[in-house]
PDB file of N, CA and C in Angstrom:
ATOM      1  N   MET A   1      40.805  14.437  21.637  1.00  0.00           N
ATOM      2  CA  MET A   1      39.431  14.963  21.758  1.00  0.00           C
ATOM      3  C   MET A   1      39.464  16.345  22.204  1.00  0.00           C
ATOM      4  N   ASP A   2      38.901  17.244  21.440  1.00  0.00           N
ATOM      5  CA  ASP A   2      38.911  18.732  21.817  1.00  0.00           C
ATOM      6  C   ASP A   2      37.454  19.128  22.236  1.00  0.00           C
ATOM      7  N   LEU A   3      37.229  19.423  23.483  1.00  0.00           N
ATOM      8  CA  LEU A   3      36.014  19.780  23.944  1.00  0.00           C
ATOM      9  C   LEU A   3      35.712  21.364  23.823  1.00  0.00           C
ATOM     10  N   GLY A   4      36.712  22.137  23.332  1.00  0.00           N
ATOM     11  CA  GLY A   4      36.497  23.536  23.178  1.00  0.00           C
ATOM     12  C   GLY A   4      36.595  24.364  24.426  1.00  0.00           C
ATOM     13  N   LEU A   5      37.301  23.703  25.365  1.00  0.00           N
ATOM     14  CA  LEU A   5      37.397  24.395  26.782  1.00  0.00           C
ATOM     15  C   LEU A   5      38.892  24.979  26.722  1.00  0.00           C
ATOM     16  N   ARG A   6      39.171  25.665  25.817  1.00  0.00           N
ATOM     17  CA  ARG A   6      40.433  26.405  25.798  1.00  0.00           C
ATOM     18  C   ARG A   6      40.386  27.468  26.838  1.00  0.00           C
ATOM     19  N   SER A   7      41.520  27.623  27.481  1.00  0.00           N
ATOM     20  CA  SER A   7      41.607  28.741  28.536  1.00  0.00           C
ATOM     21  C   SER A   7      41.738  30.065  27.725  1.00  0.00           C
ATOM     22  N   LYS A   8      41.094  31.044  28.139  1.00  0.00           N
ATOM     23  CA  LYS A   8      41.232  32.229  27.435  1.00  0.00           C
ATOM     24  C   LYS A   8      42.355  33.049  28.016  1.00  0.00           C
ATOM     25  N   PRO A   9      42.988  33.777  27.244  1.00  0.00           N
ATOM     26  CA  PRO A   9      44.225  34.534  27.847  1.00  0.00           C
ATOM     27  C   PRO A   9      43.628  35.526  28.886  1.00  0.00           C
ATOM     28  N   ARG A  10      44.361  35.596  29.896  1.00  0.00           N
ATOM     29  CA  ARG A  10      43.960  36.627  31.021  1.00  0.00           C
ATOM     30  C   ARG A  10      44.344  37.974  30.692  1.00  0.00           C
ATOM     31  N   ARG A  11      43.444  39.000  30.799  1.00  0.00           N
ATOM     32  CA  ARG A  11      43.651  40.265  30.628  1.00  0.00           C
ATOM     33  C   ARG A  11      44.292  40.849  31.896  1.00  0.00           C
ATOM     34  N   LYS A  12      45.289  41.755  31.727  1.00  0.00           N
ATOM     35  CA  LYS A  12      45.893  42.378  32.844  1.00  0.00           C
ATOM     36  C   LYS A  12      44.876  43.417  33.246  1.00  0.00           C
ATOM     37  N   PRO A  13      44.752  43.515  34.564  1.00  0.00           N
ATOM     38  CA  PRO A  13      43.854  44.663  35.022  1.00  0.00           C
ATOM     39  C   PRO A  13      44.424  46.030  34.718  1.00  0.00           C
ATOM     40  N   SER A  14      43.523  46.847  34.416  1.00  0.00           N
ATOM     41  CA  SER A  14      43.858  48.300  34.040  1.00  0.00           C
ATOM     42  C   SER A  14      44.082  49.038  35.392  1.00  0.00           C
ATOM     43  N   LEU A  15      45.149  49.848  35.298  1.00  0.00           N
ATOM     44  CA  LEU A  15      45.513  50.556  36.546  1.00  0.00           C
ATOM     45  C   LEU A  15      44.898  51.961  36.510  1.00  0.00           C
ATOM     46  N   THR A  16      44.325  52.319  35.366  1.00  0.00           N
ATOM     47  CA  THR A  16      43.850  53.709  35.206  1.00  0.00           C
ATOM     48  C   THR A  16      42.722  54.130  36.204  1.00  0.00           C
ATOM     49  N   PRO A  17      41.759  53.100  36.544  1.00  0.00           N
ATOM     50  CA  PRO A  17      40.770  53.497  37.598  1.00  0.00           C
ATOM     51  C   PRO A  17      41.454  53.761  38.917  1.00  0.00           C
ATOM     52  N   MET A  18      42.447  52.966  39.262  1.00  0.00           N
ATOM     53  CA  MET A  18      43.101  52.995  40.546  1.00  0.00           C
ATOM     54  C   MET A  18      43.865  54.359  40.581  1.00  0.00           C
ATOM     55  N   ILE A  19      44.487  54.745  39.562  1.00  0.00           N
ATOM     56  CA  ILE A  19      45.291  56.013  39.599  1.00  0.00           C
ATOM     57  C   ILE A  19      44.309  57.209  39.666  1.00  0.00           C
ATOM     58  N   ASP A  20      43.143  57.157  38.984  1.00  0.00           N
ATOM     59  CA  ASP A  20      42.133  58.090  39.078  1.00  0.00           C
ATOM     60  C   ASP A  20      41.737  58.317  40.505  1.00  0.00           C
ATOM     61  N   VAL A  21      41.376  57.210  41.204  1.00  0.00           N
ATOM     62  CA  VAL A  21      40.961  57.322  42.539  1.00  0.00           C
ATOM     63  C   VAL A  21      42.095  57.901  43.468  1.00  0.00           C
ATOM     64  N   VAL A  22      43.329  57.553  43.251  1.00  0.00           N
ATOM     65  CA  VAL A  22      44.510  58.095  44.061  1.00  0.00           C
ATOM     66  C   VAL A  22      44.486  59.574  43.851  1.00  0.00           C
ATOM     67  N   PHE A  23      44.422  60.110  42.679  1.00  0.00           N
ATOM     68  CA  PHE A  23      44.430  61.496  42.377  1.00  0.00           C
ATOM     69  C   PHE A  23      43.235  62.221  42.917  1.00  0.00           C
ATOM     70  N   LEU A  24      42.090  61.534  42.924  1.00  0.00           N
ATOM     71  CA  LEU A  24      40.850  62.209  43.488  1.00  0.00           C
ATOM     72  C   LEU A  24      41.060  62.309  45.076  1.00  0.00           C
ATOM     73  N   LEU A  25      41.573  61.414  45.696  1.00  0.00           N
ATOM     74  CA  LEU A  25      41.824  61.363  47.209  1.00  0.00           C
ATOM     75  C   LEU A  25      42.935  62.375  47.460  1.00  0.00           C
ATOM     76  N   LEU A  26      43.942  62.507  46.612  1.00  0.00           N
ATOM     77  CA  LEU A  26      45.033  63.486  46.803  1.00  0.00           C
ATOM     78  C   LEU A  26      44.411  64.950  46.728  1.00  0.00           C
ATOM     79  N   VAL A  27      43.492  65.021  45.728  1.00  0.00           N
ATOM     80  CA  VAL A  27      42.951  66.539  45.562  1.00  0.00           C
ATOM     81  C   VAL A  27      42.000  66.701  46.692  1.00  0.00           C
ATOM     82  N   PHE A  28      41.246  65.682  47.240  1.00  0.00           N
ATOM     83  CA  PHE A  28      40.318  65.943  48.365  1.00  0.00           C
ATOM     84  C   PHE A  28      41.065  66.258  49.572  1.00  0.00           C
ATOM     85  N   PHE A  29      42.128  65.518  49.917  1.00  0.00           N
ATOM     86  CA  PHE A  29      42.803  65.834  51.164  1.00  0.00           C
ATOM     87  C   PHE A  29      43.608  67.186  51.107  1.00  0.00           C
ATOM     88  N   MET A  30      44.096  67.580  49.909  1.00  0.00           N
ATOM     89  CA  MET A  30      44.725  68.827  49.862  1.00  0.00           C
ATOM     90  C   MET A  30      43.685  69.955  49.942  1.00  0.00           C
ATOM     91  N   LEU A  31      42.477  69.774  49.437  1.00  0.00           N
ATOM     92  CA  LEU A  31      41.533  70.854  49.662  1.00  0.00           C
ATOM     93  C   LEU A  31      40.780  70.846  51.133  1.00  0.00           C
ATOM     94  N   ALA A  32      40.753  69.671  51.605  1.00  0.00           N
ATOM     95  CA  ALA A  32      40.094  69.568  52.910  1.00  0.00           C
ATOM     96  C   ALA A  32      41.033  69.830  54.087  1.00  0.00           C
ATOM     97  N   SER A  33      42.316  69.758  53.895  1.00  0.00           N
ATOM     98  CA  SER A  33      43.169  70.000  55.061  1.00  0.00           C
ATOM     99  C   SER A  33      43.327  71.571  55.263  1.00  0.00           C
ATOM    100  N   ARG A  34      43.715  71.768  56.412  1.00  0.00           N
ATOM    101  CA  ARG A  34      43.891  73.192  56.844  1.00  0.00           C
ATOM    102  C   ARG A  34      45.331  73.480  57.224  1.00  0.00           C
ATOM    103  N   PHE A  35      45.929  74.244  56.428  1.00  0.00           N
ATOM    104  CA  PHE A  35      47.410  74.465  56.682  1.00  0.00           C
ATOM    105  C   PHE A  35      47.451  75.509  57.809  1.00  0.00           C
ATOM    106  N   GLY A  36      48.361  75.320  58.714  1.00  0.00           N
ATOM    107  CA  GLY A  36      48.473  76.185  59.911  1.00  0.00           C
ATOM    108  C   GLY A  36      49.297  77.441  59.460  1.00  0.00           C
ATOM    109  N   MET A  37      49.057  78.461  60.152  1.00  0.00           N
ATOM    110  CA  MET A  37      49.775  79.693  59.862  1.00  0.00           C
ATOM    111  C   MET A  37      51.169  79.555  60.696  1.00  0.00           C
ATOM    112  N   PRO A  38      52.190  79.745  59.939  1.00  0.00           N
ATOM    113  CA  PRO A  38      53.524  79.692  60.544  1.00  0.00           C
ATOM    114  C   PRO A  38      53.726  80.781  61.618  1.00  0.00           C
ATOM    115  N   GLN A  39      54.310  80.497  62.655  1.00  0.00           N
ATOM    116  CA  GLN A  39      54.476  81.499  63.746  1.00  0.00           C
ATOM    117  C   GLN A  39      55.915  82.043  63.566  1.00  0.00           C
ATOM    118  N   VAL A  40      56.111  83.272  63.562  1.00  0.00           N
ATOM    119  CA  VAL A  40      57.304  83.945  63.294  1.00  0.00           C
ATOM    120  C   VAL A  40      57.879  84.423  64.610  1.00  0.00           C
ATOM    121  N   ILE A  41      59.075  84.055  64.924  1.00  0.00           N
ATOM    122  CA  ILE A  41      59.815  84.519  66.030  1.00  0.00           C
ATOM    123  C   ILE A  41      60.570  85.795  65.664  1.00  0.00           C
ATOM    124  N   GLU A  42      60.112  87.021  66.205  1.00  0.00           N
ATOM    125  CA  GLU A  42      60.827  88.315  65.865  1.00  0.00           C
ATOM    126  C   GLU A  42      61.856  88.452  66.766  1.00  0.00           C
ATOM    127  N   MET A  43      63.118  88.054  66.151  1.00  0.00           N
ATOM    128  CA  MET A  43      64.223  88.204  67.104  1.00  0.00           C
ATOM    129  C   MET A  43      65.405  88.339  66.192  1.00  0.00           C
ATOM    130  N   PRO A  44      66.210  89.426  66.212  1.00  0.00           N
ATOM    131  CA  PRO A  44      67.284  89.678  65.336  1.00  0.00           C
ATOM    132  C   PRO A  44      68.402  88.745  65.581  1.00  0.00           C
ATOM    133  N   MET A  45      69.284  88.374  64.602  1.00  0.00           N
ATOM    134  CA  MET A  45      70.493  87.639  64.917  1.00  0.00           C
ATOM    135  C   MET A  45      71.515  88.603  65.316  1.00  0.00           C
ATOM    136  N   ALA A  46      72.639  88.180  65.795  1.00  0.00           N
ATOM    137  CA  ALA A  46      73.713  89.000  66.370  1.00  0.00           C
ATOM    138  C   ALA A  46      74.117  90.027  65.381  1.00  0.00           C
ATOM    139  N   SER A  47      74.158  89.776  64.090  1.00  0.00           N
ATOM    140  CA  SER A  47      74.752  90.637  63.163  1.00  0.00           C
ATOM    141  C   SER A  47      73.775  91.854  62.899  1.00  0.00           C
ATOM    142  N   GLY A  48      72.510  91.856  63.253  1.00  0.00           N
ATOM    143  CA  GLY A  48      71.662  92.849  62.952  1.00  0.00           C
ATOM    144  C   GLY A  48      71.057  93.439  64.275  1.00  0.00           C
ATOM    145  N   GLY A  49      71.399  92.971  65.409  1.00  0.00           N
ATOM    146  CA  GLY A  49      71.031  93.419  66.758  1.00  0.00           C
ATOM    147  C   GLY A  49      71.681  94.734  67.183  1.00  0.00           C
ATOM    148  N   GLY A  50      71.374  95.235  68.300  1.00  0.00           N
ATOM    149  CA  GLY A  50      71.864  96.477  68.792  1.00  0.00           C
ATOM    150  C   GLY A  50      73.116  96.292  69.453  1.00  0.00           C
ATOM    151  N   VAL A  51      73.736  97.326  70.020  1.00  0.00           N
ATOM    152  CA  VAL A  51      74.973  97.245  70.703  1.00  0.00           C
ATOM    153  C   VAL A  51      74.735  97.100  72.272  1.00  0.00           C
ATOM    154  N   PRO A  52      75.331  96.057  72.886  1.00  0.00           N
ATOM    155  CA  PRO A  52      75.105  95.936  74.290  1.00  0.00           C
ATOM    156  C   PRO A  52      75.821  96.962  75.130  1.00  0.00           C
ATOM    157  N   SER A  53      75.046  97.499  76.075  1.00  0.00           N
ATOM    158  CA  SER A  53      75.610  98.517  76.881  1.00  0.00           C
ATOM    159  C   SER A  53      75.381  98.154  78.393  1.00  0.00           C
ATOM    160  N   GLY A  54      76.101  98.872  79.331  1.00  0.00           N
ATOM    161  CA  GLY A  54      75.832  98.504  80.702  1.00  0.00           C
ATOM    162  C   GLY A  54      76.381  97.237  81.172  1.00  0.00           C
ATOM    163  N   ALA A  55      75.880  96.705  82.272  1.00  0.00           N
ATOM    164  CA  ALA A  55      76.310  95.428  82.789  1.00  0.00           C
ATOM    165  C   ALA A  55      75.893  94.216  81.728  1.00  0.00           C
ATOM    166  N   PRO A  56      76.667  93.087  81.843  1.00  0.00           N
ATOM    167  CA  PRO A  56      76.445  92.028  80.844  1.00  0.00           C
ATOM    168  C   PRO A  56      75.067  91.417  81.170  1.00  0.00           C
ATOM    169  N   LYS A  57      74.382  91.077  79.972  1.00  0.00           N
ATOM    170  CA  LYS A  57      73.071  90.383  80.116  1.00  0.00           C
ATOM    171  C   LYS A  57      73.002  89.180  79.193  1.00  0.00           C
ATOM    172  N   LEU A  58      73.800  88.195  79.552  1.00  0.00           N
ATOM    173  CA  LEU A  58      73.816  86.985  78.714  1.00  0.00           C
ATOM    174  C   LEU A  58      73.015  85.824  79.317  1.00  0.00           C
ATOM    175  N   VAL A  59      71.986  85.442  78.606  1.00  0.00           N
ATOM    176  CA  VAL A  59      71.004  84.341  78.998  1.00  0.00           C
ATOM    177  C   VAL A  59      71.453  83.139  78.194  1.00  0.00           C
ATOM    178  N   ASP A  60      72.028  82.051  78.951  1.00  0.00           N
ATOM    179  CA  ASP A  60      72.329  80.819  78.289  1.00  0.00           C
ATOM    180  C   ASP A  60      71.088  79.904  78.514  1.00  0.00           C
ATOM    181  N   ILE A  61      70.606  79.271  77.436  1.00  0.00           N
ATOM    182  CA  ILE A  61      69.485  78.445  77.421  1.00  0.00           C
ATOM    183  C   ILE A  61      69.895  77.052  77.339  1.00  0.00           C
ATOM    184  N   LEU A  62      69.828  76.315  78.404  1.00  0.00           N
ATOM    185  CA  LEU A  62      70.281  74.997  78.654  1.00  0.00           C
ATOM    186  C   LEU A  62      69.265  73.874  78.349  1.00  0.00           C
ATOM    187  N   PRO A  63      69.561  72.677  78.101  1.00  0.00           N
ATOM    188  CA  PRO A  63      68.471  71.671  77.917  1.00  0.00           C
ATOM    189  C   PRO A  63      67.570  71.559  79.213  1.00  0.00           C
ATOM    190  N   GLN A  64      68.121  71.751  80.432  1.00  0.00           N
ATOM    191  CA  GLN A  64      67.280  71.505  81.623  1.00  0.00           C
ATOM    192  C   GLN A  64      67.181  72.733  82.486  1.00  0.00           C
ATOM    193  N   GLY A  65      67.408  73.966  81.845  1.00  0.00           N
ATOM    194  CA  GLY A  65      67.448  75.167  82.705  1.00  0.00           C
ATOM    195  C   GLY A  65      67.870  76.397  81.981  1.00  0.00           C
ATOM    196  N   VAL A  66      68.262  77.411  82.703  1.00  0.00           N
ATOM    197  CA  VAL A  66      68.673  78.610  82.111  1.00  0.00           C
ATOM    198  C   VAL A  66      69.742  79.289  83.122  1.00  0.00           C
ATOM    199  N   ARG A  67      70.663  80.033  82.473  1.00  0.00           N
ATOM    200  CA  ARG A  67      71.732  80.703  83.215  1.00  0.00           C
ATOM    201  C   ARG A  67      71.764  82.099  82.872  1.00  0.00           C
ATOM    202  N   LEU A  68      71.940  82.901  83.891  1.00  0.00           N
ATOM    203  CA  LEU A  68      72.107  84.366  83.558  1.00  0.00           C
ATOM    204  C   LEU A  68      73.619  84.698  83.939  1.00  0.00           C
ATOM    205  N   ASN A  69      74.409  85.156  82.950  1.00  0.00           N
ATOM    206  CA  ASN A  69      75.736  85.534  83.214  1.00  0.00           C
ATOM    207  C   ASN A  69      76.627  84.486  83.794  1.00  0.00           C
ATOM    208  N   GLY A  70      76.227  83.155  83.511  1.00  0.00           N
ATOM    209  CA  GLY A  70      77.006  82.122  83.897  1.00  0.00           C
ATOM    210  C   GLY A  70      76.576  81.404  85.330  1.00  0.00           C
ATOM    211  N   ILE A  71      75.382  81.977  85.775  1.00  0.00           N
ATOM    212  CA  ILE A  71      74.899  81.414  87.072  1.00  0.00           C
ATOM    213  C   ILE A  71      73.660  80.716  86.820  1.00  0.00           C
ATOM    214  N   ASP A  72      73.431  79.457  87.164  1.00  0.00           N
ATOM    215  CA  ASP A  72      72.174  78.721  86.983  1.00  0.00           C
ATOM    216  C   ASP A  72      71.294  79.287  87.959  1.00  0.00           C
ATOM    217  N   MET A  73      69.917  79.477  87.450  1.00  0.00           N
ATOM    218  CA  MET A  73      68.858  79.908  88.157  1.00  0.00           C
ATOM    219  C   MET A  73      67.555  79.589  87.418  1.00  0.00           C
ATOM    220  N   PRO A  74      66.429  79.678  88.201  1.00  0.00           N
ATOM    221  CA  PRO A  74      65.075  79.440  87.551  1.00  0.00           C
ATOM    222  C   PRO A  74      64.765  80.685  86.656  1.00  0.00           C
ATOM    223  N   LEU A  75      63.789  80.464  85.750  1.00  0.00           N
ATOM    224  CA  LEU A  75      63.459  81.433  84.753  1.00  0.00           C
ATOM    225  C   LEU A  75      62.912  82.718  85.545  1.00  0.00           C
ATOM    226  N   GLU A  76      62.162  82.517  86.496  1.00  0.00           N
ATOM    227  CA  GLU A  76      61.525  83.670  87.249  1.00  0.00           C
ATOM    228  C   GLU A  76      62.711  84.489  87.770  1.00  0.00           C
ATOM    229  N   THR A  77      63.614  83.873  88.361  1.00  0.00           N
ATOM    230  CA  THR A  77      64.781  84.676  88.955  1.00  0.00           C
ATOM    231  C   THR A  77      65.682  85.385  87.885  1.00  0.00           C
ATOM    232  N   VAL A  78      65.694  84.810  86.766  1.00  0.00           N
ATOM    233  CA  VAL A  78      66.367  85.431  85.625  1.00  0.00           C
ATOM    234  C   VAL A  78      65.625  86.655  85.268  1.00  0.00           C
ATOM    235  N   VAL A  79      64.268  86.591  85.083  1.00  0.00           N
ATOM    236  CA  VAL A  79      63.496  87.734  84.803  1.00  0.00           C
ATOM    237  C   VAL A  79      63.642  88.915  85.827  1.00  0.00           C
ATOM    238  N   ARG A  80      63.567  88.401  87.015  1.00  0.00           N
ATOM    239  CA  ARG A  80      63.686  89.474  88.178  1.00  0.00           C
ATOM    240  C   ARG A  80      65.105  90.144  88.294  1.00  0.00           C
ATOM    241  N   ASP A  81      66.107  89.309  87.968  1.00  0.00           N
ATOM    242  CA  ASP A  81      67.511  89.901  87.982  1.00  0.00           C
ATOM    243  C   ASP A  81      67.727  90.748  86.725  1.00  0.00           C
ATOM    244  N   LEU A  82      67.110  90.305  85.630  1.00  0.00           N
ATOM    245  CA  LEU A  82      67.383  91.211  84.432  1.00  0.00           C
ATOM    246  C   LEU A  82      66.661  92.543  84.547  1.00  0.00           C
ATOM    247  N   GLN A  83      65.567  92.641  85.331  1.00  0.00           N
ATOM    248  CA  GLN A  83      64.928  93.886  85.570  1.00  0.00           C
ATOM    249  C   GLN A  83      65.878  94.834  86.358  1.00  0.00           C
ATOM    250  N   VAL A  84      66.704  94.288  87.215  1.00  0.00           N
ATOM    251  CA  VAL A  84      67.639  95.102  87.935  1.00  0.00           C
ATOM    252  C   VAL A  84      68.837  95.515  87.127  1.00  0.00           C
ATOM    253  N   LEU A  85      69.290  94.648  86.171  1.00  0.00           N
ATOM    254  CA  LEU A  85      70.477  94.863  85.368  1.00  0.00           C
ATOM    255  C   LEU A  85      70.214  95.824  84.189  1.00  0.00           C
ATOM    256  N   VAL A  86      68.983  95.884  83.675  1.00  0.00           N
ATOM    257  CA  VAL A  86      68.811  96.781  82.481  1.00  0.00           C
ATOM    258  C   VAL A  86      68.491  98.165  82.988  1.00  0.00           C
ATOM    259  N   GLU A  87      68.949  99.182  82.189  1.00  0.00           N
ATOM    260  CA  GLU A  87      68.541 100.636  82.485  1.00  0.00           C
ATOM    261  C   GLU A  87      67.190 100.943  81.892  1.00  0.00           C
ATOM    262  N   THR A  88      67.016 100.445  80.663  1.00  0.00           N
ATOM    263  CA  THR A  88      65.793 100.722  79.839  1.00  0.00           C
ATOM    264  C   THR A  88      65.341  99.435  79.279  1.00  0.00           C
ATOM    265  N   PRO A  89      64.018  99.279  79.079  1.00  0.00           N
ATOM    266  CA  PRO A  89      63.606  98.023  78.342  1.00  0.00           C
ATOM    267  C   PRO A  89      64.235  97.779  77.012  1.00  0.00           C
ATOM    268  N   GLN A  90      64.774  98.836  76.425  1.00  0.00           N
ATOM    269  CA  GLN A  90      65.417  98.679  75.045  1.00  0.00           C
ATOM    270  C   GLN A  90      66.851  98.112  75.172  1.00  0.00           C
ATOM    271  N   ASP A  91      67.375  97.966  76.368  1.00  0.00           N
ATOM    272  CA  ASP A  91      68.744  97.382  76.521  1.00  0.00           C
ATOM    273  C   ASP A  91      68.701  96.052  75.833  1.00  0.00           C
ATOM    274  N   VAL A  92      69.955  95.739  75.262  1.00  0.00           N
ATOM    275  CA  VAL A  92      70.106  94.533  74.619  1.00  0.00           C
ATOM    276  C   VAL A  92      70.288  93.365  75.453  1.00  0.00           C
ATOM    277  N   ILE A  93      69.531  92.273  75.393  1.00  0.00           N
ATOM    278  CA  ILE A  93      69.680  91.070  76.200  1.00  0.00           C
ATOM    279  C   ILE A  93      70.194  89.882  75.167  1.00  0.00           C
ATOM    280  N   VAL A  94      71.314  89.352  75.417  1.00  0.00           N
ATOM    281  CA  VAL A  94      71.878  88.373  74.459  1.00  0.00           C
ATOM    282  C   VAL A  94      71.309  86.939  75.042  1.00  0.00           C
ATOM    283  N   LEU A  95      70.760  86.239  73.976  1.00  0.00           N
ATOM    284  CA  LEU A  95      70.256  84.803  74.337  1.00  0.00           C
ATOM    285  C   LEU A  95      71.219  83.915  73.601  1.00  0.00           C
ATOM    286  N   ARG A  96      71.749  82.858  74.285  1.00  0.00           N
ATOM    287  CA  ARG A  96      72.631  81.927  73.629  1.00  0.00           C
ATOM    288  C   ARG A  96      72.109  80.549  73.946  1.00  0.00           C
ATOM    289  N   SER A  97      71.819  79.753  72.944  1.00  0.00           N
ATOM    290  CA  SER A  97      71.233  78.442  73.040  1.00  0.00           C
ATOM    291  C   SER A  97      72.399  77.459  73.019  1.00  0.00           C
ATOM    292  N   GLN A  98      72.419  76.535  73.979  1.00  0.00           N
ATOM    293  CA  GLN A  98      73.340  75.438  73.865  1.00  0.00           C
ATOM    294  C   GLN A  98      72.787  74.402  72.851  1.00  0.00           C
ATOM    295  N   GLU A  99      73.803  73.564  72.406  1.00  0.00           N
ATOM    296  CA  GLU A  99      73.402  72.634  71.320  1.00  0.00           C
ATOM    297  C   GLU A  99      72.211  71.662  71.749  1.00  0.00           C
ATOM    298  N   GLU A 100      72.142  71.208  72.990  1.00  0.00           N
ATOM    299  CA  GLU A 100      71.272  70.279  73.326  1.00  0.00           C
ATOM    300  C   GLU A 100      69.906  70.945  73.613  1.00  0.00           C
ATOM    301  N   ALA A 101      69.765  72.173  73.781  1.00  0.00           N
ATOM    302  CA  ALA A 101      68.421  72.860  74.024  1.00  0.00           C
ATOM    303  C   ALA A 101      67.524  72.773  72.817  1.00  0.00           C
ATOM    304  N   SER A 102      66.313  72.638  73.083  1.00  0.00           N
ATOM    305  CA  SER A 102      65.308  72.557  72.004  1.00  0.00           C
ATOM    306  C   SER A 102      64.806  74.009  71.614  1.00  0.00           C
ATOM    307  N   VAL A 103      64.257  74.008  70.424  1.00  0.00           N
ATOM    308  CA  VAL A 103      63.695  75.291  69.839  1.00  0.00           C
ATOM    309  C   VAL A 103      62.550  75.722  70.764  1.00  0.00           C
ATOM    310  N   GLN A 104      61.800  74.809  71.351  1.00  0.00           N
ATOM    311  CA  GLN A 104      60.703  75.124  72.146  1.00  0.00           C
ATOM    312  C   GLN A 104      61.142  75.848  73.409  1.00  0.00           C
ATOM    313  N   GLN A 105      62.388  75.516  74.035  1.00  0.00           N
ATOM    314  CA  GLN A 105      62.926  76.081  75.146  1.00  0.00           C
ATOM    315  C   GLN A 105      63.310  77.589  74.759  1.00  0.00           C
ATOM    316  N   VAL A 106      63.877  77.739  73.549  1.00  0.00           N
ATOM    317  CA  VAL A 106      64.188  79.113  73.174  1.00  0.00           C
ATOM    318  C   VAL A 106      63.061  79.965  73.048  1.00  0.00           C
ATOM    319  N   VAL A 107      61.954  79.509  72.483  1.00  0.00           N
ATOM    320  CA  VAL A 107      60.707  80.181  72.340  1.00  0.00           C
ATOM    321  C   VAL A 107      60.070  80.539  73.643  1.00  0.00           C
ATOM    322  N   ARG A 108      60.080  79.568  74.544  1.00  0.00           N
ATOM    323  CA  ARG A 108      59.550  79.708  75.890  1.00  0.00           C
ATOM    324  C   ARG A 108      60.194  80.793  76.654  1.00  0.00           C
ATOM    325  N   ILE A 109      61.454  80.835  76.547  1.00  0.00           N
ATOM    326  CA  ILE A 109      62.237  81.802  77.386  1.00  0.00           C
ATOM    327  C   ILE A 109      62.120  83.143  76.723  1.00  0.00           C
ATOM    328  N   SER A 110      62.197  83.259  75.406  1.00  0.00           N
ATOM    329  CA  SER A 110      62.082  84.464  74.768  1.00  0.00           C
ATOM    330  C   SER A 110      60.727  85.226  74.966  1.00  0.00           C
ATOM    331  N   ASP A 111      59.623  84.271  74.936  1.00  0.00           N
ATOM    332  CA  ASP A 111      58.326  84.681  75.298  1.00  0.00           C
ATOM    333  C   ASP A 111      58.135  85.285  76.689  1.00  0.00           C
ATOM    334  N   ALA A 112      58.835  84.528  77.605  1.00  0.00           N
ATOM    335  CA  ALA A 112      58.720  85.035  79.034  1.00  0.00           C
ATOM    336  C   ALA A 112      59.532  86.393  79.211  1.00  0.00           C
ATOM    337  N   LEU A 113      60.509  86.564  78.555  1.00  0.00           N
ATOM    338  CA  LEU A 113      61.289  87.830  78.527  1.00  0.00           C
ATOM    339  C   LEU A 113      60.609  88.886  77.914  1.00  0.00           C
ATOM    340  N   LYS A 114      59.768  88.665  76.733  1.00  0.00           N
ATOM    341  CA  LYS A 114      58.968  89.730  76.158  1.00  0.00           C
ATOM    342  C   LYS A 114      57.785  90.022  77.019  1.00  0.00           C
ATOM    343  N   ALA A 115      57.223  89.081  77.647  1.00  0.00           N
ATOM    344  CA  ALA A 115      56.093  89.314  78.579  1.00  0.00           C
ATOM    345  C   ALA A 115      56.541  90.181  79.703  1.00  0.00           C
ATOM    346  N   ALA A 116      57.832  90.143  80.124  1.00  0.00           N
ATOM    347  CA  ALA A 116      58.334  90.884  81.227  1.00  0.00           C
ATOM    348  C   ALA A 116      58.667  92.359  80.811  1.00  0.00           C
ATOM    349  N   GLY A 117      58.559  92.680  79.414  1.00  0.00           N
ATOM    350  CA  GLY A 117      58.809  93.964  78.993  1.00  0.00           C
ATOM    351  C   GLY A 117      60.017  94.196  78.213  1.00  0.00           C
ATOM    352  N   PHE A 118      60.931  93.155  78.124  1.00  0.00           N
ATOM    353  CA  PHE A 118      62.192  93.268  77.486  1.00  0.00           C
ATOM    354  C   PHE A 118      61.963  93.260  75.954  1.00  0.00           C
ATOM    355  N   THR A 119      62.370  94.229  75.139  1.00  0.00           N
ATOM    356  CA  THR A 119      62.020  94.426  73.905  1.00  0.00           C
ATOM    357  C   THR A 119      63.213  94.079  72.880  1.00  0.00           C
ATOM    358  N   ALA A 120      64.523  94.148  73.339  1.00  0.00           N
ATOM    359  CA  ALA A 120      65.676  93.933  72.515  1.00  0.00           C
ATOM    360  C   ALA A 120      66.367  92.712  72.914  1.00  0.00           C
ATOM    361  N   LEU A 121      65.796  91.566  72.304  1.00  0.00           N
ATOM    362  CA  LEU A 121      66.423  90.342  72.507  1.00  0.00           C
ATOM    363  C   LEU A 121      67.200  89.845  71.171  1.00  0.00           C
ATOM    364  N   VAL A 122      68.486  89.499  71.485  1.00  0.00           N
ATOM    365  CA  VAL A 122      69.364  89.152  70.289  1.00  0.00           C
ATOM    366  C   VAL A 122      69.712  87.646  70.548  1.00  0.00           C
ATOM    367  N   LEU A 123      69.479  86.889  69.464  1.00  0.00           N
ATOM    368  CA  LEU A 123      69.872  85.399  69.550  1.00  0.00           C
ATOM    369  C   LEU A 123      71.141  85.301  68.843  1.00  0.00           C
ATOM    370  N   VAL A 124      72.085  84.579  69.577  1.00  0.00           N
ATOM    371  CA  VAL A 124      73.481  84.248  69.016  1.00  0.00           C
ATOM    372  C   VAL A 124      73.543  82.710  68.997  1.00  0.00           C
ATOM    373  N   GLU A 125      74.492  82.366  68.092  1.00  0.00           N
ATOM    374  CA  GLU A 125      74.653  80.833  67.980  1.00  0.00           C
ATOM    375  C   GLU A 125      75.775  80.397  68.874  1.00  0.00           C
TER     376      GLU A 125
END
């Protein structure tokens, strides 16, 4: 006995509307987002820097502090001692970052030195 209740073959759902929505969302977020301006650290590498003269001025950037010519000291003391060591503000100061030091520490220390009037900072690896 056939009652005519045959099951209709199921149609697979179309993915086209979902893909359209995804692309619309992608375009919306790309247009609505604001991309930040990259901040450039103007600091020559050792190959393009000046020639050091006078007393040594080596600043080691450590994970938890800073050293001037091998002596641990706070950043304020480093700035004060460097002002005594340099003959002119254009004297080369060598910054050397240790492996564990973060980029933020390098930027913070170089900004502090630039704010103190030192213009010739050279970053070495």
